[in-house]
Amino acid sequence: RYLNARHAMQAMISLGAVPVVNENDTVAIDEIKFGDNDRLS
């Protein structure tokens, strides 16, 4: 999933799009949360 995310975002960039990233808070639980977007960034 890490590599898939990387490849997908690189493809977005190469196509001239602006990736807008956020934590998926709707499905995130404590065990899989970053806690804040500073760490995510």
PDB file of all heavy atoms in Angstrom:
ATOM      1  N   ARG A   1       0.827  -1.205   0.000  1.00  0.00           N
ATOM      2  CA  ARG A   1       0.000   0.000   0.000  1.00  0.00           C
ATOM      3  C   ARG A   1       0.860   1.253   0.000  1.00  0.00           C
ATOM      4  O   ARG A   1       0.515   2.270  -0.622  1.00  0.00           O
ATOM      5  CB  ARG A   1      -0.941  -0.036   1.201  1.00  0.00           C
ATOM      6  CG  ARG A   1      -2.099  -1.010   0.983  1.00  0.00           C
ATOM      7  CD  ARG A   1      -2.759  -1.441   2.250  1.00  0.00           C
ATOM      8  NE  ARG A   1      -3.372  -0.345   2.987  1.00  0.00           N
ATOM      9  CZ  ARG A   1      -4.023  -0.520   4.125  1.00  0.00           C
ATOM     10  NH1 ARG A   1      -4.129  -1.724   4.662  1.00  0.00           N
ATOM     11  NH2 ARG A   1      -4.564   0.513   4.741  1.00  0.00           N
ATOM     12  N   TYR A   2       1.994   1.203   0.689  1.00  0.00           N
ATOM     13  CA  TYR A   2       2.940   2.319   0.694  1.00  0.00           C
ATOM     14  C   TYR A   2       3.411   2.620  -0.723  1.00  0.00           C
ATOM     15  O   TYR A   2       3.386   3.761  -1.185  1.00  0.00           O
ATOM     16  CB  TYR A   2       4.124   1.952   1.592  1.00  0.00           C
ATOM     17  CG  TYR A   2       5.220   2.983   1.693  1.00  0.00           C
ATOM     18  CD1 TYR A   2       5.202   3.943   2.707  1.00  0.00           C
ATOM     19  CD2 TYR A   2       6.295   2.982   0.806  1.00  0.00           C
ATOM     20  CE1 TYR A   2       6.216   4.877   2.829  1.00  0.00           C
ATOM     21  CE2 TYR A   2       7.314   3.917   0.920  1.00  0.00           C
ATOM     22  CZ  TYR A   2       7.275   4.857   1.928  1.00  0.00           C
ATOM     23  OH  TYR A   2       8.273   5.788   2.036  1.00  0.00           O
ATOM     24  N   LEU A   3       3.833   1.569  -1.429  1.00  0.00           N
ATOM     25  CA  LEU A   3       4.322   1.752  -2.791  1.00  0.00           C
ATOM     26  C   LEU A   3       3.201   2.175  -3.729  1.00  0.00           C
ATOM     27  O   LEU A   3       3.407   3.016  -4.616  1.00  0.00           O
ATOM     28  CB  LEU A   3       4.986   0.465  -3.291  1.00  0.00           C
ATOM     29  CG  LEU A   3       6.291   0.100  -2.585  1.00  0.00           C
ATOM     30  CD1 LEU A   3       6.726  -1.306  -2.963  1.00  0.00           C
ATOM     31  CD2 LEU A   3       7.393   1.103  -2.921  1.00  0.00           C
ATOM     32  N   ASN A   4       2.008   1.617  -3.542  1.00  0.00           N
ATOM     33  CA  ASN A   4       0.881   2.010  -4.378  1.00  0.00           C
ATOM     34  C   ASN A   4       0.549   3.486  -4.184  1.00  0.00           C
ATOM     35  O   ASN A   4       0.256   4.207  -5.145  1.00  0.00           O
ATOM     36  CB  ASN A   4      -0.345   1.152  -4.064  1.00  0.00           C
ATOM     37  CG  ASN A   4      -0.242  -0.246  -4.646  1.00  0.00           C
ATOM     38  OD1 ASN A   4       0.525  -0.485  -5.582  1.00  0.00           O
ATOM     39  ND2 ASN A   4      -1.002  -1.176  -4.096  1.00  0.00           N
ATOM     40  N   ALA A   5       0.596   3.946  -2.921  1.00  0.00           N
ATOM     41  CA  ALA A   5       0.338   5.358  -2.642  1.00  0.00           C
ATOM     42  C   ALA A   5       1.395   6.234  -3.309  1.00  0.00           C
ATOM     43  O   ALA A   5       1.082   7.276  -3.903  1.00  0.00           O
ATOM     44  CB  ALA A   5       0.323   5.601  -1.134  1.00  0.00           C
ATOM     45  N   ARG A   6       2.626   5.798  -3.221  1.00  0.00           N
ATOM     46  CA  ARG A   6       3.712   6.562  -3.832  1.00  0.00           C
ATOM     47  C   ARG A   6       3.555   6.643  -5.344  1.00  0.00           C
ATOM     48  O   ARG A   6       3.660   7.719  -5.948  1.00  0.00           O
ATOM     49  CB  ARG A   6       5.046   5.912  -3.470  1.00  0.00           C
ATOM     50  CG  ARG A   6       6.258   6.647  -4.011  1.00  0.00           C
ATOM     51  CD  ARG A   6       7.535   5.958  -3.617  1.00  0.00           C
ATOM     52  NE  ARG A   6       8.692   6.697  -4.087  1.00  0.00           N
ATOM     53  CZ  ARG A   6       9.933   6.280  -3.960  1.00  0.00           C
ATOM     54  NH1 ARG A   6      10.167   5.129  -3.365  1.00  0.00           N
ATOM     55  NH2 ARG A   6      10.926   6.989  -4.408  1.00  0.00           N
ATOM     56  N   HIS A   7       3.295   5.504  -5.972  1.00  0.00           N
ATOM     57  CA  HIS A   7       3.153   5.487  -7.431  1.00  0.00           C
ATOM     58  C   HIS A   7       1.963   6.315  -7.878  1.00  0.00           C
ATOM     59  O   HIS A   7       2.039   7.047  -8.868  1.00  0.00           O
ATOM     60  CB  HIS A   7       3.002   4.040  -7.911  1.00  0.00           C
ATOM     61  CG  HIS A   7       4.205   3.195  -7.650  1.00  0.00           C
ATOM     62  ND1 HIS A   7       4.151   1.817  -7.578  1.00  0.00           N
ATOM     63  CD2 HIS A   7       5.500   3.527  -7.432  1.00  0.00           C
ATOM     64  CE1 HIS A   7       5.354   1.345  -7.332  1.00  0.00           C
ATOM     65  NE2 HIS A   7       6.185   2.362  -7.236  1.00  0.00           N
ATOM     66  N   ALA A   8       0.852   6.209  -7.135  1.00  0.00           N
ATOM     67  CA  ALA A   8      -0.340   6.958  -7.509  1.00  0.00           C
ATOM     68  C   ALA A   8      -0.099   8.461  -7.416  1.00  0.00           C
ATOM     69  O   ALA A   8      -0.476   9.224  -8.317  1.00  0.00           O
ATOM     70  CB  ALA A   8      -1.517   6.553  -6.617  1.00  0.00           C
ATOM     71  N   MET A   9       0.561   8.894  -6.341  1.00  0.00           N
ATOM     72  CA  MET A   9       0.803  10.328  -6.177  1.00  0.00           C
ATOM     73  C   MET A   9       1.813  10.840  -7.178  1.00  0.00           C
ATOM     74  O   MET A   9       1.705  11.968  -7.680  1.00  0.00           O
ATOM     75  CB  MET A   9       1.225  10.621  -4.737  1.00  0.00           C
ATOM     76  CG  MET A   9       0.089  10.398  -3.748  1.00  0.00           C
ATOM     77  SD  MET A   9       0.561  10.632  -2.024  1.00  0.00           S
ATOM     78  CE  MET A   9       0.823  12.395  -1.991  1.00  0.00           C
ATOM     79  N   GLN A  10       2.810  10.025  -7.511  1.00  0.00           N
ATOM     80  CA  GLN A  10       3.759  10.427  -8.550  1.00  0.00           C
ATOM     81  C   GLN A  10       3.057  10.562  -9.891  1.00  0.00           C
ATOM     82  O   GLN A  10       3.369  11.460 -10.682  1.00  0.00           O
ATOM     83  CB  GLN A  10       4.902   9.417  -8.630  1.00  0.00           C
ATOM     84  CG  GLN A  10       5.879   9.513  -7.463  1.00  0.00           C
ATOM     85  CD  GLN A  10       6.934   8.433  -7.486  1.00  0.00           C
ATOM     86  OE1 GLN A  10       6.693   7.307  -7.939  1.00  0.00           O
ATOM     87  NE2 GLN A  10       8.109   8.739  -6.977  1.00  0.00           N
ATOM     88  N   ALA A  11       2.083   9.680 -10.150  1.00  0.00           N
ATOM     89  CA  ALA A  11       1.316   9.772 -11.392  1.00  0.00           C
ATOM     90  C   ALA A  11       0.478  11.045 -11.404  1.00  0.00           C
ATOM     91  O   ALA A  11       0.387  11.732 -12.444  1.00  0.00           O
ATOM     92  CB  ALA A  11       0.425   8.544 -11.551  1.00  0.00           C
ATOM     93  N   MET A  12      -0.143  11.385 -10.278  1.00  0.00           N
ATOM     94  CA  MET A  12      -0.917  12.624 -10.191  1.00  0.00           C
ATOM     95  C   MET A  12      -0.037  13.830 -10.523  1.00  0.00           C
ATOM     96  O   MET A  12      -0.431  14.723 -11.295  1.00  0.00           O
ATOM     97  CB  MET A  12      -1.487  12.800  -8.783  1.00  0.00           C
ATOM     98  CG  MET A  12      -2.507  11.769  -8.360  1.00  0.00           C
ATOM     99  SD  MET A  12      -2.893  11.938  -6.593  1.00  0.00           S
ATOM    100  CE  MET A  12      -3.570  10.316  -6.227  1.00  0.00           C
ATOM    101  N   ILE A  13       1.152  13.840  -9.934  1.00  0.00           N
ATOM    102  CA  ILE A  13       2.078  14.953 -10.161  1.00  0.00           C
ATOM    103  C   ILE A  13       2.483  15.025 -11.627  1.00  0.00           C
ATOM    104  O   ILE A  13       2.498  16.100 -12.233  1.00  0.00           O
ATOM    105  CB  ILE A  13       3.318  14.797  -9.260  1.00  0.00           C
ATOM    106  CG1 ILE A  13       2.930  14.978  -7.791  1.00  0.00           C
ATOM    107  CG2 ILE A  13       4.404  15.805  -9.647  1.00  0.00           C
ATOM    108  CD1 ILE A  13       4.015  14.585  -6.810  1.00  0.00           C
ATOM    109  N   SER A  14       2.806  13.874 -12.219  1.00  0.00           N
ATOM    110  CA  SER A  14       3.241  13.857 -13.617  1.00  0.00           C
ATOM    111  C   SER A  14       2.126  14.299 -14.558  1.00  0.00           C
ATOM    112  O   SER A  14       2.387  14.814 -15.650  1.00  0.00           O
ATOM    113  CB  SER A  14       3.739  12.460 -14.003  1.00  0.00           C
ATOM    114  OG  SER A  14       2.671  11.532 -14.017  1.00  0.00           O
ATOM    115  N   LEU A  15       0.871  14.115 -14.143  1.00  0.00           N
ATOM    116  CA  LEU A  15      -0.273  14.530 -14.963  1.00  0.00           C
ATOM    117  C   LEU A  15      -0.638  15.997 -14.745  1.00  0.00           C
ATOM    118  O   LEU A  15      -1.578  16.499 -15.353  1.00  0.00           O
ATOM    119  CB  LEU A  15      -1.482  13.643 -14.639  1.00  0.00           C
ATOM    120  CG  LEU A  15      -1.367  12.178 -15.089  1.00  0.00           C
ATOM    121  CD1 LEU A  15      -2.493  11.345 -14.492  1.00  0.00           C
ATOM    122  CD2 LEU A  15      -1.372  12.083 -16.612  1.00  0.00           C
ATOM    123  N   GLY A  16       0.096  16.669 -13.878  1.00  0.00           N
ATOM    124  CA  GLY A  16      -0.137  18.089 -13.653  1.00  0.00           C
ATOM    125  C   GLY A  16      -1.194  18.398 -12.613  1.00  0.00           C
ATOM    126  O   GLY A  16      -1.601  19.557 -12.469  1.00  0.00           O
ATOM    127  N   ALA A  17      -1.654  17.391 -11.875  1.00  0.00           N
ATOM    128  CA  ALA A  17      -2.647  17.617 -10.830  1.00  0.00           C
ATOM    129  C   ALA A  17      -1.965  18.014  -9.520  1.00  0.00           C
ATOM    130  O   ALA A  17      -0.762  17.805  -9.348  1.00  0.00           O
ATOM    131  CB  ALA A  17      -3.486  16.361 -10.616  1.00  0.00           C
ATOM    132  N   VAL A  18      -2.740  18.588  -8.629  1.00  0.00           N
ATOM    133  CA  VAL A  18      -2.240  18.960  -7.301  1.00  0.00           C
ATOM    134  C   VAL A  18      -2.810  17.977  -6.287  1.00  0.00           C
ATOM    135  O   VAL A  18      -4.005  18.036  -5.965  1.00  0.00           O
ATOM    136  CB  VAL A  18      -2.661  20.387  -6.917  1.00  0.00           C
ATOM    137  CG1 VAL A  18      -2.060  20.767  -5.560  1.00  0.00           C
ATOM    138  CG2 VAL A  18      -2.249  21.386  -7.980  1.00  0.00           C
ATOM    139  N   PRO A  19      -2.010  17.036  -5.766  1.00  0.00           N
ATOM    140  CA  PRO A  19      -2.519  16.142  -4.725  1.00  0.00           C
ATOM    141  C   PRO A  19      -2.844  16.933  -3.455  1.00  0.00           C
ATOM    142  O   PRO A  19      -2.020  17.723  -2.989  1.00  0.00           O
ATOM    143  CB  PRO A  19      -1.357  15.170  -4.493  1.00  0.00           C
ATOM    144  CG  PRO A  19      -0.518  15.261  -5.735  1.00  0.00           C
ATOM    145  CD  PRO A  19      -0.642  16.688  -6.176  1.00  0.00           C
ATOM    146  N   VAL A  20      -4.038  16.740  -2.939  1.00  0.00           N
ATOM    147  CA  VAL A  20      -4.430  17.353  -1.663  1.00  0.00           C
ATOM    148  C   VAL A  20      -4.661  16.198  -0.689  1.00  0.00           C
ATOM    149  O   VAL A  20      -5.608  15.431  -0.831  1.00  0.00           O
ATOM    150  CB  VAL A  20      -5.694  18.219  -1.802  1.00  0.00           C
ATOM    151  CG1 VAL A  20      -6.085  18.804  -0.443  1.00  0.00           C
ATOM    152  CG2 VAL A  20      -5.455  19.343  -2.809  1.00  0.00           C
ATOM    153  N   VAL A  21      -3.781  16.086   0.297  1.00  0.00           N
ATOM    154  CA  VAL A  21      -3.742  14.937   1.199  1.00  0.00           C
ATOM    155  C   VAL A  21      -4.362  15.295   2.537  1.00  0.00           C
ATOM    156  O   VAL A  21      -4.184  16.405   3.047  1.00  0.00           O
ATOM    157  CB  VAL A  21      -2.284  14.470   1.412  1.00  0.00           C
ATOM    158  CG1 VAL A  21      -2.240  13.198   2.258  1.00  0.00           C
ATOM    159  CG2 VAL A  21      -1.582  14.262   0.070  1.00  0.00           C
ATOM    160  N   ASN A  22      -5.072  14.342   3.109  1.00  0.00           N
ATOM    161  CA  ASN A  22      -5.579  14.491   4.466  1.00  0.00           C
ATOM    162  C   ASN A  22      -5.618  13.113   5.097  1.00  0.00           C
ATOM    163  O   ASN A  22      -5.602  12.098   4.397  1.00  0.00           O
ATOM    164  CB  ASN A  22      -6.980  15.119   4.458  1.00  0.00           C
ATOM    165  CG  ASN A  22      -7.364  15.727   5.805  1.00  0.00           C
ATOM    166  OD1 ASN A  22      -6.632  15.638   6.786  1.00  0.00           O
ATOM    167  ND2 ASN A  22      -8.538  16.342   5.857  1.00  0.00           N
ATOM    168  N   GLU A  23      -5.637  13.078   6.410  1.00  0.00           N
ATOM    169  CA  GLU A  23      -5.812  11.779   7.061  1.00  0.00           C
ATOM    170  C   GLU A  23      -7.238  11.302   6.834  1.00  0.00           C
ATOM    171  O   GLU A  23      -8.182  12.103   6.840  1.00  0.00           O
ATOM    172  CB  GLU A  23      -5.527  11.865   8.566  1.00  0.00           C
ATOM    173  CG  GLU A  23      -5.677  10.518   9.253  1.00  0.00           C
ATOM    174  CD  GLU A  23      -4.990  10.444  10.608  1.00  0.00           C
ATOM    175  OE1 GLU A  23      -4.610  11.507  11.145  1.00  0.00           O
ATOM    176  OE2 GLU A  23      -4.825   9.330  11.117  1.00  0.00           O
ATOM    177  N   ASN A  24      -7.400  10.012   6.619  1.00  0.00           N
ATOM    178  CA  ASN A  24      -8.725   9.447   6.393  1.00  0.00           C
ATOM    179  C   ASN A  24      -9.419   9.251   7.735  1.00  0.00           C
ATOM    180  O   ASN A  24      -9.603   8.135   8.218  1.00  0.00           O
ATOM    181  CB  ASN A  24      -8.618   8.120   5.630  1.00  0.00           C
ATOM    182  CG  ASN A  24      -9.948   7.683   5.057  1.00  0.00           C
ATOM    183  OD1 ASN A  24     -10.973   8.303   5.305  1.00  0.00           O
ATOM    184  ND2 ASN A  24      -9.925   6.623   4.271  1.00  0.00           N
ATOM    185  N   ASP A  25      -9.806  10.373   8.328  1.00  0.00           N
ATOM    186  CA  ASP A  25     -10.380  10.347   9.679  1.00  0.00           C
ATOM    187  C   ASP A  25     -11.679   9.554   9.756  1.00  0.00           C
ATOM    188  O   ASP A  25     -12.041   9.049  10.822  1.00  0.00           O
ATOM    189  CB  ASP A  25     -10.636  11.778  10.163  1.00  0.00           C
ATOM    190  CG  ASP A  25      -9.359  12.510  10.504  1.00  0.00           C
ATOM    191  OD1 ASP A  25      -8.655  12.064  11.412  1.00  0.00           O
ATOM    192  OD2 ASP A  25      -9.062  13.515   9.845  1.00  0.00           O
ATOM    193  N   THR A  26     -12.393   9.436   8.649  1.00  0.00           N
ATOM    194  CA  THR A  26     -13.687   8.749   8.682  1.00  0.00           C
ATOM    195  C   THR A  26     -13.539   7.268   9.025  1.00  0.00           C
ATOM    196  O   THR A  26     -14.421   6.678   9.651  1.00  0.00           O
ATOM    197  CB  THR A  26     -14.400   8.915   7.329  1.00  0.00           C
ATOM    198  OG1 THR A  26     -14.555  10.314   7.055  1.00  0.00           O
ATOM    199  CG2 THR A  26     -15.764   8.254   7.339  1.00  0.00           C
ATOM    200  N   VAL A  27     -12.430   6.654   8.613  1.00  0.00           N
ATOM    201  CA  VAL A  27     -12.233   5.231   8.889  1.00  0.00           C
ATOM    202  C   VAL A  27     -11.117   4.970   9.890  1.00  0.00           C
ATOM    203  O   VAL A  27     -10.943   3.845  10.355  1.00  0.00           O
ATOM    204  CB  VAL A  27     -11.938   4.442   7.588  1.00  0.00           C
ATOM    205  CG1 VAL A  27     -13.077   4.612   6.612  1.00  0.00           C
ATOM    206  CG2 VAL A  27     -10.621   4.891   6.958  1.00  0.00           C
ATOM    207  N   ALA A  28     -10.337   6.003  10.225  1.00  0.00           N
ATOM    208  CA  ALA A  28      -9.189   5.812  11.111  1.00  0.00           C
ATOM    209  C   ALA A  28      -9.636   5.516  12.533  1.00  0.00           C
ATOM    210  O   ALA A  28     -10.593   6.090  13.037  1.00  0.00           O
ATOM    211  CB  ALA A  28      -8.296   7.052  11.096  1.00  0.00           C
ATOM    212  N   ILE A  29      -8.931   4.588  13.153  1.00  0.00           N
ATOM    213  CA  ILE A  29      -9.106   4.299  14.573  1.00  0.00           C
ATOM    214  C   ILE A  29      -7.770   4.569  15.257  1.00  0.00           C
ATOM    215  O   ILE A  29      -6.764   4.839  14.602  1.00  0.00           O
ATOM    216  CB  ILE A  29      -9.552   2.844  14.805  1.00  0.00           C
ATOM    217  CG1 ILE A  29      -8.550   1.867  14.162  1.00  0.00           C
ATOM    218  CG2 ILE A  29     -10.952   2.628  14.250  1.00  0.00           C
ATOM    219  CD1 ILE A  29      -8.875   0.404  14.407  1.00  0.00           C
ATOM    220  N   ASP A  30      -7.743   4.507  16.574  1.00  0.00           N
ATOM    221  CA  ASP A  30      -6.531   4.876  17.307  1.00  0.00           C
ATOM    222  C   ASP A  30      -5.300   4.124  16.831  1.00  0.00           C
ATOM    223  O   ASP A  30      -4.200   4.678  16.761  1.00  0.00           O
ATOM    224  CB  ASP A  30      -6.732   4.628  18.806  1.00  0.00           C
ATOM    225  CG  ASP A  30      -7.650   5.668  19.435  1.00  0.00           C
ATOM    226  OD1 ASP A  30      -7.775   6.757  18.865  1.00  0.00           O
ATOM    227  OD2 ASP A  30      -8.241   5.366  20.492  1.00  0.00           O
ATOM    228  N   GLU A  31      -5.480   2.852  16.471  1.00  0.00           N
ATOM    229  CA  GLU A  31      -4.330   2.023  16.107  1.00  0.00           C
ATOM    230  C   GLU A  31      -3.710   2.411  14.772  1.00  0.00           C
ATOM    231  O   GLU A  31      -2.573   2.066  14.476  1.00  0.00           O
ATOM    232  CB  GLU A  31      -4.750   0.547  16.061  1.00  0.00           C
ATOM    233  CG  GLU A  31      -5.035  -0.076  17.422  1.00  0.00           C
ATOM    234  CD  GLU A  31      -6.415   0.311  17.946  1.00  0.00           C
ATOM    235  OE1 GLU A  31      -7.197   0.916  17.177  1.00  0.00           O
ATOM    236  OE2 GLU A  31      -6.695   0.013  19.120  1.00  0.00           O
ATOM    237  N   ILE A  32      -4.480   3.103  13.921  1.00  0.00           N
ATOM    238  CA  ILE A  32      -3.952   3.435  12.589  1.00  0.00           C
ATOM    239  C   ILE A  32      -3.985   4.936  12.322  1.00  0.00           C
ATOM    240  O   ILE A  32      -3.976   5.384  11.193  1.00  0.00           O
ATOM    241  CB  ILE A  32      -4.728   2.685  11.477  1.00  0.00           C
ATOM    242  CG1 ILE A  32      -6.209   3.052  11.493  1.00  0.00           C
ATOM    243  CG2 ILE A  32      -4.521   1.192  11.588  1.00  0.00           C
ATOM    244  CD1 ILE A  32      -6.996   2.513  10.298  1.00  0.00           C
ATOM    245  N   LYS A  33      -4.009   5.733  13.392  1.00  0.00           N
ATOM    246  CA  LYS A  33      -4.060   7.174  13.233  1.00  0.00           C
ATOM    247  C   LYS A  33      -2.676   7.802  13.331  1.00  0.00           C
ATOM    248  O   LYS A  33      -1.834   7.355  14.090  1.00  0.00           O
ATOM    249  CB  LYS A  33      -4.962   7.802  14.308  1.00  0.00           C
ATOM    250  CG  LYS A  33      -6.445   7.642  14.043  1.00  0.00           C
ATOM    251  CD  LYS A  33      -7.258   8.418  15.044  1.00  0.00           C
ATOM    252  CE  LYS A  33      -6.918   9.892  14.970  1.00  0.00           C
ATOM    253  NZ  LYS A  33      -7.171  10.454  13.639  1.00  0.00           N
ATOM    254  N   PHE A  34      -2.471   8.867  12.541  1.00  0.00           N
ATOM    255  CA  PHE A  34      -1.254   9.651  12.675  1.00  0.00           C
ATOM    256  C   PHE A  34      -1.348  10.532  13.921  1.00  0.00           C
ATOM    257  O   PHE A  34      -0.353  10.825  14.552  1.00  0.00           O
ATOM    258  CB  PHE A  34      -1.065  10.559  11.457  1.00  0.00           C
ATOM    259  CG  PHE A  34      -0.667   9.808  10.224  1.00  0.00           C
ATOM    260  CD1 PHE A  34      -1.619   9.448   9.285  1.00  0.00           C
ATOM    261  CD2 PHE A  34       0.650   9.453  10.008  1.00  0.00           C
ATOM    262  CE1 PHE A  34      -1.258   8.753   8.147  1.00  0.00           C
ATOM    263  CE2 PHE A  34       1.018   8.754   8.882  1.00  0.00           C
ATOM    264  CZ  PHE A  34       0.060   8.405   7.944  1.00  0.00           C
ATOM    265  N   GLY A  35      -2.549  10.986  14.240  1.00  0.00           N
ATOM    266  CA  GLY A  35      -2.734  11.861  15.385  1.00  0.00           C
ATOM    267  C   GLY A  35      -2.853  13.309  14.986  1.00  0.00           C
ATOM    268  O   GLY A  35      -3.624  14.059  15.575  1.00  0.00           O
ATOM    269  N   ASP A  36      -2.097  13.737  14.005  1.00  0.00           N
ATOM    270  CA  ASP A  36      -2.196  15.094  13.491  1.00  0.00           C
ATOM    271  C   ASP A  36      -1.573  15.130  12.099  1.00  0.00           C
ATOM    272  O   ASP A  36      -0.812  14.240  11.723  1.00  0.00           O
ATOM    273  CB  ASP A  36      -1.506  16.098  14.420  1.00  0.00           C
ATOM    274  CG  ASP A  36      -0.031  15.789  14.603  1.00  0.00           C
ATOM    275  OD1 ASP A  36       0.742  16.023  13.649  1.00  0.00           O
ATOM    276  OD2 ASP A  36       0.349  15.297  15.682  1.00  0.00           O
ATOM    277  N   ASN A  37      -1.909  16.167  11.340  1.00  0.00           N
ATOM    278  CA  ASN A  37      -1.429  16.256   9.965  1.00  0.00           C
ATOM    279  C   ASN A  37       0.011  16.730   9.859  1.00  0.00           C
ATOM    280  O   ASN A  37       0.599  16.676   8.780  1.00  0.00           O
ATOM    281  CB  ASN A  37      -2.345  17.152   9.139  1.00  0.00           C
ATOM    282  CG  ASN A  37      -3.504  16.377   8.536  1.00  0.00           C
ATOM    283  OD1 ASN A  37      -3.561  15.152   8.636  1.00  0.00           O
ATOM    284  ND2 ASN A  37      -4.437  17.082   7.919  1.00  0.00           N
ATOM    285  N   ASP A  38       0.590  17.226  10.954  1.00  0.00           N
ATOM    286  CA  ASP A  38       2.019  17.544  10.921  1.00  0.00           C
ATOM    287  C   ASP A  38       2.813  16.261  10.673  1.00  0.00           C
ATOM    288  O   ASP A  38       3.674  16.209   9.786  1.00  0.00           O
ATOM    289  CB  ASP A  38       2.459  18.193  12.234  1.00  0.00           C
ATOM    290  CG  ASP A  38       1.830  19.549  12.448  1.00  0.00           C
ATOM    291  OD1 ASP A  38       1.676  20.294  11.462  1.00  0.00           O
ATOM    292  OD2 ASP A  38       1.467  19.860  13.598  1.00  0.00           O
ATOM    293  N   ARG A  39       2.507  15.246  11.446  1.00  0.00           N
ATOM    294  CA  ARG A  39       3.201  13.969  11.286  1.00  0.00           C
ATOM    295  C   ARG A  39       2.897  13.344   9.925  1.00  0.00           C
ATOM    296  O   ARG A  39       3.777  12.782   9.284  1.00  0.00           O
ATOM    297  CB  ARG A  39       2.792  13.014  12.410  1.00  0.00           C
ATOM    298  CG  ARG A  39       3.565  11.715  12.410  1.00  0.00           C
ATOM    299  CD  ARG A  39       3.523  11.056  13.780  1.00  0.00           C
ATOM    300  NE  ARG A  39       4.117   9.726  13.699  1.00  0.00           N
ATOM    301  CZ  ARG A  39       3.430   8.599  13.763  1.00  0.00           C
ATOM    302  NH1 ARG A  39       2.117   8.639  13.891  1.00  0.00           N
ATOM    303  NH2 ARG A  39       4.038   7.442  13.694  1.00  0.00           N
ATOM    304  N   LEU A  40       1.660  13.449   9.486  1.00  0.00           N
ATOM    305  CA  LEU A  40       1.304  12.941   8.162  1.00  0.00           C
ATOM    306  C   LEU A  40       2.123  13.639   7.088  1.00  0.00           C
ATOM    307  O   LEU A  40       2.628  12.996   6.156  1.00  0.00           O
ATOM    308  CB  LEU A  40      -0.190  13.146   7.907  1.00  0.00           C
ATOM    309  CG  LEU A  40      -0.688  12.855   6.486  1.00  0.00           C
ATOM    310  CD1 LEU A  40      -0.415  11.423   6.082  1.00  0.00           C
ATOM    311  CD2 LEU A  40      -2.181  13.172   6.372  1.00  0.00           C
ATOM    312  N   SER A  41       2.273  14.952   7.194  1.00  0.00           N
ATOM    313  CA  SER A  41       3.025  15.691   6.174  1.00  0.00           C
ATOM    314  C   SER A  41       4.482  15.258   6.132  1.00  0.00           C
ATOM    315  O   SER A  41       5.095  15.204   5.064  1.00  0.00           O
ATOM    316  CB  SER A  41       2.927  17.202   6.424  1.00  0.00           C
ATOM    317  OG  SER A  41       3.602  17.585   7.614  1.00  0.00           O
TER     318      SER A  41
END
